[in-house]
């Protein structure tokens, strides 16, 4: 019975960690989207092409994934 209680606690802790990770991932996606939108708005104001904006965003995502 004690083993079952320990197993339940471990399962609940893992579930909580998973939920926390999902929240952090969602917040990061929203933040990255906001940053890319600001870059696109600035690029539009400066007259950059859409290809340049796309390239900049892809580099930003690549750097974030590689160096984080």
Protein backbone atom coordinates (compact mmCIF):
# COMPACT_ATOMS: atom_id res chain seq x y z
CA UNK A 1 0.00 0.00 0.00
CA UNK A 2 2.86 2.36 0.83
CA UNK A 3 4.39 1.62 -2.58
CA UNK A 4 1.12 2.62 -4.27
CA UNK A 5 1.08 5.94 -2.40
CA UNK A 6 4.68 6.67 -3.41
CA UNK A 7 3.92 5.73 -7.01
CA UNK A 8 0.88 8.05 -7.00
CA UNK A 9 2.93 10.95 -5.64
CA UNK A 10 5.65 10.39 -8.27
CA UNK A 11 3.03 10.24 -11.02
CA UNK A 12 1.36 13.45 -9.83
CA UNK A 13 4.74 15.23 -9.65
CA UNK A 14 5.55 14.12 -13.20
CA UNK A 15 2.14 15.31 -14.37
CA UNK A 16 2.65 18.69 -12.70
CA UNK A 17 6.10 19.01 -14.31
CA UNK A 18 4.58 18.22 -17.71
CA UNK A 19 1.90 20.89 -17.28
CA UNK A 20 4.53 23.44 -16.20
CA UNK A 21 6.65 22.60 -19.25
CA UNK A 22 3.65 23.06 -21.55
CA UNK A 23 2.90 26.46 -20.02
CA UNK A 24 6.52 27.58 -20.46
CA UNK A 25 6.57 26.38 -24.07
CA UNK A 26 3.31 28.24 -24.80
CA UNK A 27 4.69 31.44 -23.23
CA UNK A 28 7.89 31.13 -25.28
CA UNK A 29 5.93 30.66 -28.50
CA UNK A 30 3.82 33.73 -27.73
CA UNK A 31 6.92 35.78 -26.91
CA UNK A 32 8.70 34.67 -30.09
CA UNK A 33 5.61 35.48 -32.15
CA UNK A 34 5.47 38.96 -30.64
CA UNK A 35 9.18 39.51 -31.35
CA UNK A 36 8.79 38.35 -34.96
CA UNK A 37 5.75 40.59 -35.42
CA UNK A 38 7.73 43.58 -34.13
CA UNK A 39 10.61 42.74 -36.48
CA UNK A 40 8.21 42.42 -39.40
CA UNK A 41 6.57 45.76 -38.54
CA UNK A 42 9.97 47.46 -38.27
CA UNK A 43 11.11 45.87 -41.52
CA UNK A 44 7.96 47.06 -43.27
CA UNK A 45 8.59 50.59 -42.02
CA UNK A 46 12.16 50.43 -43.30
CA UNK A 47 11.07 48.93 -46.61
CA UNK A 48 12.73 45.51 -46.40
CA UNK A 49 11.41 42.73 -48.59
CA UNK A 50 9.37 39.82 -47.26
CA UNK A 51 12.18 37.43 -48.15
CA UNK A 52 14.56 39.34 -45.90
CA UNK A 53 12.02 39.25 -43.06
CA UNK A 54 11.54 35.50 -43.47
CA UNK A 55 15.29 34.91 -43.52
CA UNK A 56 15.77 37.01 -40.39
CA UNK A 57 13.01 35.12 -38.57
CA UNK A 58 14.41 31.73 -39.56
CA UNK A 59 17.86 32.75 -38.37
CA UNK A 60 16.36 33.97 -35.10
CA UNK A 61 14.59 30.63 -34.56
CA UNK A 62 17.72 28.68 -35.52
CA UNK A 63 19.93 30.64 -33.14
CA UNK A 64 17.41 30.24 -30.34
CA UNK A 65 17.18 26.46 -30.88
CA UNK A 66 20.92 25.94 -31.24
CA UNK A 67 22.19 28.15 -28.44
CA UNK A 68 19.52 27.63 -25.77
